[in-house]
Protein backbone atom coordinates (compact mmCIF):
# COMPACT_ATOMS: atom_id res chain seq x y z
CA MET A 1 123.80 95.62 78.16
CA VAL A 2 120.44 96.46 76.56
CA SER A 3 118.52 99.24 78.31
CA MET A 4 115.24 98.34 80.00
CA TRP A 5 113.78 101.39 78.28
CA GLN A 6 114.92 100.61 74.74
CA ASN A 7 111.58 99.09 73.70
CA TYR A 8 109.34 101.01 76.09
CA GLN A 9 106.60 102.31 73.80
CA ILE A 10 104.70 105.38 75.04
CA ASN A 11 101.32 105.73 73.37
CA THR A 12 99.05 108.79 73.26
CA ALA A 13 98.30 108.53 77.00
CA TYR A 14 100.24 110.49 79.63
CA ASP A 15 102.99 108.34 81.14
CA GLU A 16 103.74 108.76 84.84
CA LEU A 17 107.47 108.01 84.56
CA ARG A 18 108.62 108.84 81.05
CA SER A 19 108.01 111.76 78.69
CA ALA A 20 107.03 111.47 75.05
CA ALA A 21 110.70 111.97 74.22
CA VAL A 22 111.34 108.65 76.02
CA GLN A 23 113.17 110.33 78.86
CA SER A 24 112.31 110.10 82.52
CA TYR A 25 111.06 113.15 84.38
CA ALA A 26 113.43 114.76 86.87
CA SER A 27 111.39 113.35 89.76
CA SER A 28 111.68 109.80 88.43
CA GLN A 29 115.26 109.92 87.12
CA ARG A 30 116.73 107.98 90.03
CA LEU A 31 114.07 105.28 89.86
CA SER A 32 114.42 105.04 86.08
CA ASN A 33 118.20 104.62 86.27
CA HIS A 34 117.95 102.13 89.11
CA LEU A 35 115.54 99.91 87.19
CA ASP A 36 117.85 100.06 84.17
CA ASN A 37 120.89 99.11 86.25
CA LEU A 38 119.10 96.16 87.82
CA GLY A 39 117.86 94.71 84.53
CA GLY A 40 114.99 92.35 83.79
CA ARG A 41 116.31 89.23 85.52
CA ALA A 42 116.99 91.00 88.84
CA LEU A 43 113.60 92.72 88.71
CA GLU A 44 111.86 89.38 88.17
CA LEU A 45 113.66 88.00 91.23
CA ARG A 46 112.41 90.96 93.27
CA LYS A 47 108.92 90.42 91.91
CA THR A 48 109.05 86.80 93.08
CA ALA A 49 110.21 87.95 96.52
CA ALA A 50 107.30 90.38 96.67
CA GLU A 51 104.82 87.63 95.76
CA LEU A 52 106.22 85.37 98.49
CA ALA A 53 105.97 88.20 101.03
CA ILE A 54 102.32 88.79 100.08
CA VAL A 55 101.52 85.12 100.64
CA GLU A 56 103.41 85.03 103.95
CA MET A 57 101.63 88.17 105.17
CA GLY A 58 98.25 86.75 104.16
CA ILE A 59 97.28 89.73 102.00
CA THR A 60 94.27 88.45 100.08
CA PHE A 61 91.07 89.51 98.40
CA THR A 62 88.03 87.47 97.40
CA VAL A 63 86.75 87.01 93.87
CA TYR A 64 83.13 85.93 93.49
CA SER A 65 82.50 83.59 90.59
CA GLU A 66 80.12 80.87 89.43
CA GLU A 67 82.55 78.33 90.85
CA GLY A 68 82.28 79.92 94.30
CA ASN A 69 84.28 82.41 96.32
CA ILE A 70 88.02 82.28 95.65
CA ASP A 71 90.63 83.83 97.94
CA ARG A 72 93.53 85.16 95.91
CA ALA A 73 96.84 86.71 96.82
CA TRP A 74 96.78 90.48 96.33
CA PRO A 75 98.00 91.28 92.75
CA PHE A 76 100.92 93.70 93.02
CA ASP A 77 103.34 95.23 90.54
CA ILE A 78 106.67 96.23 92.06
CA ILE A 79 107.33 99.32 89.88
CA PRO A 80 106.06 102.33 91.89
CA ARG A 81 104.16 105.32 90.57
CA ILE A 82 105.67 108.74 91.40
CA ILE A 83 103.87 112.05 92.04
CA GLU A 84 105.68 115.21 93.10
CA ASN A 85 104.53 116.68 96.42
CA HIS A 86 104.02 120.20 95.08
CA GLU A 87 101.46 118.76 92.65
CA TRP A 88 99.91 116.49 95.26
CA SER A 89 99.38 119.36 97.70
CA ARG A 90 96.97 120.97 95.25
CA VAL A 91 95.18 117.65 94.65
CA ALA A 92 94.78 117.11 98.41
CA LEU A 93 93.31 120.61 98.76
CA GLY A 94 90.79 119.81 96.03
CA LEU A 95 89.84 116.49 97.65
CA LYS A 96 89.18 118.14 101.03
CA GLN A 97 87.10 120.81 99.30
CA ARG A 98 85.11 118.18 97.45
CA LEU A 99 84.29 116.03 100.50
CA LYS A 100 83.31 119.11 102.50
CA ALA A 101 80.83 120.12 99.79
CA LEU A 102 79.52 116.56 99.45
CA ASN A 103 78.83 116.41 103.18
CA CYS A 104 77.02 119.75 103.02
CA PHE A 105 74.91 118.30 100.20
CA ILE A 106 74.06 115.07 102.06
CA ASP A 107 73.11 117.00 105.20
CA ASP A 108 70.98 119.33 103.09
CA MET A 109 69.18 116.46 101.34
CA TYR A 110 68.10 114.96 104.68
CA ASN A 111 67.10 118.30 106.15
CA GLU A 112 66.31 121.58 104.34
CA GLN A 113 66.82 120.45 100.71
CA ALA A 114 67.82 123.98 99.75
CA PHE A 115 69.82 122.71 96.77
CA ILE A 116 66.56 121.37 95.32
CA LYS A 117 64.46 124.37 96.31
CA ASP A 118 66.91 126.73 94.62
CA GLY A 119 66.60 124.78 91.38
CA LEU A 120 70.13 123.38 91.26
CA ILE A 121 69.10 119.72 91.04
CA PRO A 122 65.72 118.23 90.05
CA ALA A 123 63.84 116.73 92.99
CA TYR A 124 63.20 113.49 91.11
CA ILE A 125 66.96 112.80 90.93
CA ILE A 126 67.01 112.50 94.72
CA GLU A 127 63.59 110.90 95.12
CA SER A 128 64.49 108.17 92.62
CA SER A 129 67.97 107.55 94.01
CA ALA A 130 68.40 103.99 95.26
CA ASN A 131 70.63 105.31 98.04
CA PHE A 132 68.37 108.08 99.36
CA LEU A 133 66.98 106.71 102.63
CA GLN A 134 63.85 108.48 103.82
CA GLU A 135 64.44 106.87 107.22
CA CYS A 136 67.42 109.21 107.70
CA ALA A 137 65.47 112.43 107.24
CA GLY A 138 65.99 114.95 110.04
CA ILE A 139 69.22 113.41 111.34
CA GLN A 140 72.16 115.76 111.96
CA PRO A 141 75.40 113.84 112.63
CA LYS A 142 78.22 115.41 114.61
CA PHE A 143 79.97 118.25 112.72
CA GLY A 144 77.34 117.85 109.99
CA VAL A 145 79.48 115.08 108.50
CA TRP A 146 77.75 112.03 107.03
CA ALA A 147 80.56 110.59 104.91
CA ASN A 148 83.58 110.52 107.22
CA ILE A 149 85.60 108.34 104.85
CA CYS A 150 85.71 108.85 101.10
CA GLY A 151 87.67 107.14 98.36
CA SER A 152 87.61 109.35 95.27
CA ASP A 153 88.93 107.83 92.05
CA LEU A 154 91.28 110.09 90.09
CA ILE A 155 92.56 109.80 86.53
CA ARG A 156 94.89 111.87 84.37
CA ASP A 157 94.08 112.98 80.84
CA GLN A 158 96.56 113.11 77.95
CA ASP A 159 98.00 116.40 79.22
CA GLY A 160 98.61 114.99 82.71
CA ALA A 161 95.83 116.92 84.46
CA PHE A 162 93.98 115.16 87.29
CA TYR A 163 90.21 114.63 87.06
CA VAL A 164 87.82 113.11 89.59
CA LEU A 165 86.19 110.09 87.97
CA GLU A 166 83.84 109.21 90.85
CA ASP A 167 83.38 109.46 94.60
CA ASN A 168 82.91 106.41 96.84
CA LEU A 169 81.02 107.43 99.96
CA ARG A 170 79.30 104.31 101.26
CA VAL A 171 81.92 101.78 102.39
CA PRO A 172 85.03 102.68 100.34
CA SER A 173 87.69 99.98 100.38
CA GLY A 174 91.34 99.58 99.46
CA VAL A 175 93.22 101.64 102.04
CA SER A 176 94.74 98.58 103.72
CA TYR A 177 96.25 97.53 100.40
CA MET A 178 97.72 101.01 100.01
CA ILE A 179 99.49 100.58 103.35
CA GLU A 180 100.61 97.00 102.69
CA ASN A 181 101.90 97.94 99.22
CA ARG A 182 104.38 100.24 100.95
CA VAL A 183 105.44 97.47 103.34
CA ILE A 184 106.15 95.19 100.37
CA THR A 185 107.99 97.94 98.48
CA LYS A 186 110.29 98.49 101.45
CA LYS A 187 111.32 94.86 101.06
CA VAL A 188 111.77 95.19 97.29
CA PHE A 189 113.49 98.58 96.97
CA PRO A 190 114.88 99.47 100.43
CA GLU A 191 117.81 101.32 98.87
CA LEU A 192 115.54 103.67 96.89
CA LEU A 193 113.20 104.48 99.75
CA GLN A 194 116.22 105.29 101.87
CA ASP A 195 117.60 107.73 99.28
CA LEU A 196 114.35 109.43 98.18
CA ASP A 197 112.15 111.67 100.32
CA VAL A 198 108.93 109.63 99.97
CA LEU A 199 106.00 110.75 102.13
CA PRO A 200 104.69 108.03 104.49
CA VAL A 201 101.32 106.31 104.21
CA ASP A 202 101.48 104.28 107.43
CA ASP A 203 100.12 107.24 109.42
CA TYR A 204 96.61 106.60 108.04
CA PRO A 205 95.45 104.38 110.94
CA ALA A 206 96.40 107.11 113.45
CA HIS A 207 94.36 109.69 111.51
CA LEU A 208 91.48 107.22 111.16
CA PHE A 209 91.48 106.63 114.93
CA GLU A 210 91.59 110.37 115.61
CA MET A 211 88.60 110.92 113.31
CA LEU A 212 86.58 108.09 114.88
CA VAL A 213 87.24 109.45 118.38
CA SER A 214 86.17 112.94 117.28
CA VAL A 215 82.70 111.78 116.16
CA ALA A 216 81.97 109.73 119.30
CA PRO A 217 79.11 110.73 121.62
CA ASP A 218 80.40 113.15 124.22
CA ARG A 219 79.80 110.77 127.14
CA ALA A 220 83.05 108.85 126.71
CA GLU A 221 86.50 110.26 127.37
CA ILE A 222 88.01 107.16 125.72
CA PRO A 223 85.28 105.83 123.39
CA ARG A 224 84.99 102.16 122.53
CA ILE A 225 85.25 101.64 118.78
CA ALA A 226 84.12 98.60 116.81
CA VAL A 227 84.60 97.65 113.17
CA LEU A 228 81.41 95.95 111.97
CA THR A 229 82.13 93.35 109.28
CA PRO A 230 79.79 91.03 107.35
CA GLY A 231 82.26 88.25 108.15
CA ILE A 232 85.10 86.20 106.73
CA TYR A 233 83.44 85.58 103.37
CA ASN A 234 83.30 89.27 102.46
CA SER A 235 85.72 90.30 99.70
CA ALA A 236 87.23 93.04 101.90
CA TYR A 237 87.48 91.00 105.12
CA PHE A 238 91.28 91.25 105.10
CA GLU A 239 90.91 95.03 105.25
CA HIS A 240 88.31 94.92 108.04
CA ALA A 241 90.59 92.82 110.23
CA PHE A 242 93.67 94.85 109.30
CA LEU A 243 92.13 98.22 110.18
CA ALA A 244 90.60 96.95 113.43
CA GLN A 245 93.99 95.69 114.51
CA GLN A 246 95.77 98.88 113.46
CA ILE A 247 93.47 101.23 115.39
CA GLY A 248 92.96 98.99 118.42
CA ALA A 249 89.24 98.50 117.72
CA GLU A 250 87.10 95.43 118.25
CA LEU A 251 86.29 93.46 115.07
CA VAL A 252 82.66 92.41 115.40
CA GLU A 253 79.85 90.86 113.42
CA GLY A 254 76.19 91.75 113.87
CA ALA A 255 75.58 88.87 116.28
CA ASP A 256 78.25 90.29 118.62
CA LEU A 257 76.22 93.47 119.20
CA THR A 258 72.89 94.17 120.82
CA VAL A 259 70.73 97.25 121.41
CA GLN A 260 69.22 97.29 124.88
CA ALA A 261 66.14 99.04 126.29
CA ASP A 262 68.16 102.22 126.90
CA ASP A 263 68.70 102.51 123.11
CA CYS A 264 72.45 102.06 123.49
CA VAL A 265 74.63 99.57 121.62
CA TYR A 266 76.49 96.92 123.61
CA MET A 267 79.06 94.32 122.67
CA ARG A 268 78.84 90.82 124.09
CA THR A 269 82.08 89.92 125.86
CA ILE A 270 83.20 87.25 128.31
CA ASN A 271 82.83 89.92 131.00
CA GLY A 272 79.27 90.74 130.01
CA LEU A 273 77.84 93.59 127.95
CA GLU A 274 80.12 96.55 127.23
CA ARG A 275 78.87 99.73 125.59
CA VAL A 276 80.07 100.70 122.09
CA ASP A 277 80.37 104.37 121.16
CA VAL A 278 81.52 104.33 117.53
CA ILE A 279 80.86 101.75 114.84
CA TYR A 280 82.99 101.85 111.71
CA ARG A 281 80.61 99.83 109.62
CA ARG A 282 81.59 97.85 106.54
CA ILE A 283 78.05 96.63 105.86
CA ASP A 284 75.75 98.10 103.23
CA ASP A 285 72.93 100.36 104.45
CA LYS A 286 70.07 97.96 103.74
CA PHE A 287 71.61 95.22 105.90
CA LEU A 288 72.42 97.38 108.94
CA ASP A 289 69.19 97.04 110.88
CA PRO A 290 66.37 94.53 110.19
CA GLU A 291 64.10 96.69 112.33
CA VAL A 292 64.28 99.49 109.71
CA PHE A 293 65.62 98.08 106.44
CA ARG A 294 65.77 94.50 105.17
CA LYS A 295 63.84 92.29 107.57
CA ASP A 296 65.81 89.22 106.52
CA SER A 297 69.23 90.67 107.29
CA VAL A 298 71.36 88.58 109.62
CA LEU A 299 74.39 90.85 109.17
CA GLY A 300 73.19 93.88 111.07
CA VAL A 301 71.88 94.74 114.53
CA SER A 302 68.21 95.17 115.36
CA GLY A 303 67.65 98.64 116.85
CA LEU A 304 70.95 100.08 115.56
CA ILE A 305 69.29 102.94 113.65
CA ARG A 306 67.20 103.77 116.71
CA ALA A 307 70.36 104.05 118.82
CA TRP A 308 72.01 106.20 116.13
CA LYS A 309 69.04 108.57 115.91
CA LYS A 310 69.10 109.01 119.69
CA GLY A 311 72.76 110.06 119.45
CA ASN A 312 73.93 107.13 121.55
CA VAL A 313 76.28 105.72 118.90
CA ALA A 314 78.13 107.15 115.91
CA LEU A 315 77.93 105.25 112.62
CA VAL A 316 80.79 105.75 110.16
CA ASN A 317 79.92 106.29 107.37
CA ALA A 318 76.41 107.38 108.30
CA PRO A 319 73.53 105.51 106.64
CA GLY A 320 72.20 107.46 103.69
CA SER A 321 75.61 108.82 102.65
CA GLY A 322 75.22 106.94 99.38
CA VAL A 323 72.82 109.55 98.07
CA ALA A 324 75.98 111.43 97.03
CA ASP A 325 77.57 108.22 95.72
CA ASP A 326 75.06 108.17 92.85
CA LYS A 327 76.92 108.75 89.55
CA VAL A 328 74.10 111.02 88.39
CA VAL A 329 74.56 113.20 91.48
CA TYR A 330 78.30 113.22 90.71
CA ALA A 331 77.60 115.52 87.76
CA TYR A 332 76.35 118.20 90.18
CA VAL A 333 79.39 118.25 92.50
CA PRO A 334 81.07 121.30 90.91
CA GLU A 335 77.85 123.27 91.48
CA MET A 336 77.70 121.98 95.08
CA ILE A 337 81.16 123.44 95.70
CA ARG A 338 80.07 126.82 94.37
CA TYR A 339 76.74 126.72 96.23
CA TYR A 340 77.78 125.52 99.70
CA LEU A 341 81.37 126.79 99.88
CA ASN A 342 81.26 129.81 97.56
CA GLU A 343 84.45 128.51 95.92
CA GLU A 344 85.50 127.34 92.47
CA PRO A 345 86.31 123.62 92.22
CA VAL A 346 90.02 122.86 92.53
CA LEU A 347 89.63 119.48 90.81
CA PRO A 348 87.40 119.13 87.74
CA ASN A 349 84.92 116.36 86.98
CA VAL A 350 85.21 114.28 83.86
CA PRO A 351 82.66 115.75 81.39
CA THR A 352 79.41 113.88 82.03
CA TYR A 353 76.19 113.44 80.06
CA LEU A 354 72.98 112.79 81.99
CA CYS A 355 70.77 110.35 80.11
CA SER A 356 67.78 111.67 82.07
CA ASP A 357 68.09 114.92 80.11
CA PRO A 358 66.41 114.46 76.67
CA GLU A 359 68.94 116.59 74.79
CA GLN A 360 71.93 114.88 76.40
CA LEU A 361 70.29 111.46 75.91
CA SER A 362 69.98 112.16 72.20
CA TYR A 363 73.71 112.91 72.02
CA VAL A 364 74.61 109.77 73.99
CA LEU A 365 72.52 107.47 71.78
CA LYS A 366 74.15 108.91 68.65
CA HIS A 367 77.68 108.52 70.02
CA LEU A 368 77.53 105.25 71.99
CA PRO A 369 80.53 103.70 70.16
CA GLU A 370 82.71 106.58 71.43
CA LEU A 371 81.50 106.82 75.04
CA VAL A 372 81.76 105.07 78.38
CA VAL A 373 78.30 104.43 79.85
CA LYS A 374 77.87 103.71 83.56
CA PRO A 375 74.88 102.75 85.71
CA ALA A 376 74.14 105.15 88.56
CA ASN A 377 74.83 102.87 91.51
CA GLU A 378 77.05 99.98 90.44
CA SER A 379 80.66 99.69 91.61
CA GLY A 380 83.69 97.57 90.81
CA GLY A 381 83.49 98.31 87.09
CA TYR A 382 80.36 96.20 86.61
CA GLY A 383 77.46 97.02 84.31
CA MET A 384 79.51 99.41 82.15
CA LEU A 385 79.79 99.89 78.42
CA VAL A 386 83.17 100.98 77.06
CA GLY A 387 82.07 101.94 73.58
CA PRO A 388 85.41 101.75 71.68
CA HIS A 389 86.05 98.26 73.12
CA SER A 390 82.51 96.89 72.65
CA THR A 391 80.85 94.87 69.91
CA ARG A 392 77.92 96.17 67.89
CA GLU A 393 75.63 93.75 69.75
CA GLU A 394 76.77 95.06 73.15
CA ILE A 395 76.23 98.64 72.03
CA GLU A 396 72.71 97.91 70.80
CA LEU A 397 71.88 96.09 74.04
CA PHE A 398 72.97 99.14 76.02
CA ARG A 399 70.98 101.41 73.74
CA ALA A 400 67.86 99.49 74.76
CA VAL A 401 68.54 99.50 78.52
CA ILE A 402 69.39 103.22 78.51
CA GLN A 403 66.13 104.05 76.73
CA GLU A 404 64.21 101.86 79.16
CA ASN A 405 65.59 103.66 82.24
CA PRO A 406 67.47 106.87 81.29
CA ARG A 407 67.67 108.06 84.93
CA ASN A 408 69.92 105.15 85.77
CA TYR A 409 72.73 105.99 83.32
CA ILE A 410 75.41 108.57 82.66
CA ALA A 411 77.91 108.72 79.82
CA GLN A 412 81.42 110.12 79.65
CA PRO A 413 84.01 110.49 76.91
CA THR A 414 86.54 107.68 76.73
CA ILE A 415 89.63 109.04 78.43
CA SER A 416 92.81 107.09 77.91
CA LEU A 417 94.01 106.58 81.48
CA SER A 418 97.60 107.52 82.16
CA THR A 419 100.16 104.74 82.02
CA CYS A 420 102.99 103.63 84.26
CA PRO A 421 105.85 101.17 83.63
CA THR A 422 104.85 97.70 84.74
CA LEU A 423 106.97 94.56 84.93
CA CYS A 424 105.76 92.05 82.32
CA ASP A 425 107.90 88.96 81.65
CA ASN A 426 111.29 90.59 82.31
CA ARG A 427 110.27 93.71 80.39
CA LEU A 428 108.88 97.12 81.33
CA GLU A 429 105.67 97.90 79.49
CA PRO A 430 103.15 100.74 79.95
CA ARG A 431 99.88 99.76 81.61
CA HIS A 432 96.89 102.01 82.33
CA ILE A 433 96.33 103.14 85.93
CA ASP A 434 94.05 105.21 88.13
CA LEU A 435 94.40 106.40 91.72
CA ARG A 436 92.16 106.12 94.79
CA PRO A 437 93.26 108.49 97.58
CA PHE A 438 91.37 108.37 100.88
CA ILE A 439 89.94 111.43 102.58
CA LEU A 440 88.83 111.60 106.22
CA GLN A 441 86.49 114.22 107.65
CA GLY A 442 85.42 114.50 111.26
CA GLU A 443 86.41 117.42 113.43
CA ASN A 444 89.37 117.85 111.02
CA SER A 445 90.21 116.71 107.48
CA TYR A 446 93.03 114.51 106.23
CA VAL A 447 94.12 113.15 102.84
CA THR A 448 96.50 110.25 102.29
CA ALA A 449 99.85 110.95 100.63
CA GLY A 450 98.89 109.53 97.25
CA GLY A 451 96.64 106.51 97.60
CA LEU A 452 95.96 103.14 96.03
CA THR A 453 97.21 103.08 92.44
CA ARG A 454 95.28 100.43 90.55
CA VAL A 455 96.72 99.03 87.33
CA ALA A 456 95.17 97.21 84.38
CA MET A 457 97.52 94.25 84.04
CA LYS A 458 96.30 93.33 80.54
CA LYS A 459 97.88 95.20 77.64
CA GLY A 460 95.60 97.95 76.34
CA SER A 461 92.93 97.32 78.98
CA LEU A 462 91.33 100.21 80.89
CA VAL A 463 89.86 97.90 83.58
CA VAL A 464 91.83 98.38 86.81
CA ASN A 465 89.51 96.64 89.30
CA SER A 466 91.16 93.71 91.08
CA SER A 467 87.94 91.68 90.79
CA GLN A 468 88.30 91.92 87.00
CA GLY A 469 91.99 91.17 86.61
CA GLY A 470 93.56 94.43 87.75
CA GLY A 471 96.41 94.87 90.19
CA SER A 472 98.01 97.65 92.18
CA LYS A 473 101.21 99.63 92.72
CA ASP A 474 102.81 101.56 95.51
CA THR A 475 102.34 105.32 95.09
CA TRP A 476 105.28 107.56 95.98
CA VAL A 477 104.57 111.20 96.72
CA ILE A 478 108.07 112.67 96.85
CA ASN A 479 109.65 115.94 97.88
CA THR A 480 112.03 117.10 95.15
CA GLY A 481 113.18 120.46 96.48
CA GLY A 482 115.82 119.24 98.88
């Protein structure tokens, strides 16, 4: 019988399961042997079973295209990614540290602005940020926490070290898929999960509920929580409904809520109006309240910001949190950690060039074919230039747009994302991956055990976003010490 690993070609990237000597790590030995014993045909049968389970469970996401909105089954690869718990413990510590500093920064920007006054970030960076909302100035949310939920994207370099690629602090998505990936994997590899000490991920909803309760106005012993969704046509609607069900919250749209003369938020029910204490909102800032932001918004609730400012309702994440979501601001996070916490960063940033700085801009323009260039406030992998994979015409187009608006762009070296074995037509082949763990901060902090591993399903591709052809894997954080 031919080994599944015989033709597994490890390139220059760090592989999550196999070493350069084409041997599995100690932590992944059992998984590696099990895959080999099963063989390609049996693995394909398990892949088919996983795909059927995904359809039966209704796990979908929406792709927006010129042909319209298309609901697709969640793309999932059955081969899990393994991280040892002793390594993950350090990563989790770094993620908590990072979110704590980011929340200090956001609170500072809407109040004292000491970080600016002490010369650590130019004022124009904040003033020109698309996500800095002047309407939020002077607000002080409970515990000083603006971004209660963060999804930070992590990558490994060639030596296997973790780096933070970006922080998602507005309405980070994907946690429901992390949880459902584990449910599917239990169907695919029940024997492995029974034998290995894999840390659970299904405790996330309990921690989410605990955090939401902690930030509620003090009036309610048992606060009423609502998940505010744009509706069924939103790409993350599956997640909105899933999380509402998991935490026992009401799933509402803007039309279901009203702000009354007492500046409190109420939900329309068959029994009349019932007060809402916490809103986990999955709507972008500018659509939250037509009284304050976009006048044409039909997704939000008129008067919602007024109720929030009066302290009558908690909004999670708080409006204005996106000021720290700006990829230009990202470059300053290590200094935030030193400034607000008096600590050294546990997790490093990817080296970043600010195009707003003339000297760094000069370097970027000279080295565009080697760099990844990102706009400050796009997400989902859109609007990027990946220099080594771009044509000369694309590079010259980006050169022009960068020079037109340098503030709106950063550049980073092209890091070859780590790889993980992925099932491709009966064979195991390396595909590039990243990782999105989820961090909660309210009265206490919590980090998921691992997170959502996203995988570029196309050979050689670095694009892991599901909207652009990527998929996902279950992430196993395992105890190896007995």
